[in-house]
Amino acid sequence: MCADPDCSLYVRDRKRTELGTRFESLTAGGRIARDGADLDAFLAEVLDGSMS
């Protein structure tokens, strides 16, 4: 989970951190899709009560 409410701006390359960026071969669209899938999986675990 992101500690920064602007997390979606970083994923879309609309905001940069002071530390710079790490290289990723995914496009912004790919990062958005990946983050959405990760969020869906996290919420499914929370709602199912299966998180340890």
Protein backbone atom coordinates (compact mmCIF):
# COMPACT_ATOMS: atom_id res chain seq x y z
CA MET A 1 0.00 0.00 0.00
CA CYS A 2 1.18 3.50 -0.75
CA ALA A 3 1.80 5.92 2.08
CA ASP A 4 1.40 8.80 -0.38
CA PRO A 5 -2.11 9.74 -1.53
CA ASP A 6 -0.57 10.76 -4.88
CA CYS A 7 0.41 7.15 -5.62
CA SER A 8 -1.67 7.02 -8.80
CA LEU A 9 0.22 10.05 -10.13
CA TYR A 10 3.53 8.21 -9.78
CA VAL A 11 2.15 5.17 -11.61
CA ARG A 12 1.03 7.43 -14.47
CA ASP A 13 4.37 9.29 -14.63
CA ARG A 14 2.70 12.57 -13.70
CA LYS A 15 4.73 13.02 -10.53
CA ARG A 16 8.33 12.09 -9.68
CA THR A 17 9.82 11.25 -6.31
CA GLU A 18 12.84 13.06 -4.93
CA LEU A 19 14.67 9.73 -5.01
CA GLY A 20 14.20 9.30 -8.75
CA THR A 21 12.59 6.38 -10.49
CA ARG A 22 13.53 2.77 -11.01
CA PHE A 23 13.60 1.26 -14.46
CA GLU A 24 10.53 -0.71 -15.46
CA SER A 25 9.80 -2.09 -18.90
CA LEU A 26 6.05 -1.71 -18.39
CA THR A 27 4.23 1.22 -19.93
CA ALA A 28 2.10 3.45 -17.73
CA GLY A 29 -0.94 1.45 -18.90
CA GLY A 30 0.75 -1.78 -17.86
CA ARG A 31 1.63 -0.38 -14.44
CA ILE A 32 -1.96 0.80 -13.96
CA ALA A 33 -3.31 -2.64 -14.88
CA ARG A 34 -0.80 -4.37 -12.58
CA ASP A 35 -1.60 -2.09 -9.65
CA GLY A 36 -5.34 -2.57 -10.19
CA ALA A 37 -4.92 -6.35 -10.20
CA ASP A 38 -2.77 -6.17 -7.04
CA LEU A 39 -5.40 -4.03 -5.33
CA ASP A 40 -8.19 -6.41 -6.35
CA ALA A 41 -6.24 -9.38 -4.97
CA PHE A 42 -5.49 -7.55 -1.71
CA LEU A 43 -9.13 -6.55 -1.21
CA ALA A 44 -10.32 -10.09 -1.98
CA GLU A 45 -8.02 -11.43 0.75
CA VAL A 46 -9.17 -8.82 3.24
CA LEU A 47 -12.85 -9.38 2.51
CA ASP A 48 -12.46 -13.17 2.66
CA GLY A 49 -10.63 -12.89 5.97
CA SER A 50 -7.81 -15.05 4.68
CA MET A 51 -4.96 -12.67 5.51
CA SER A 52 -2.66 -13.85 8.28
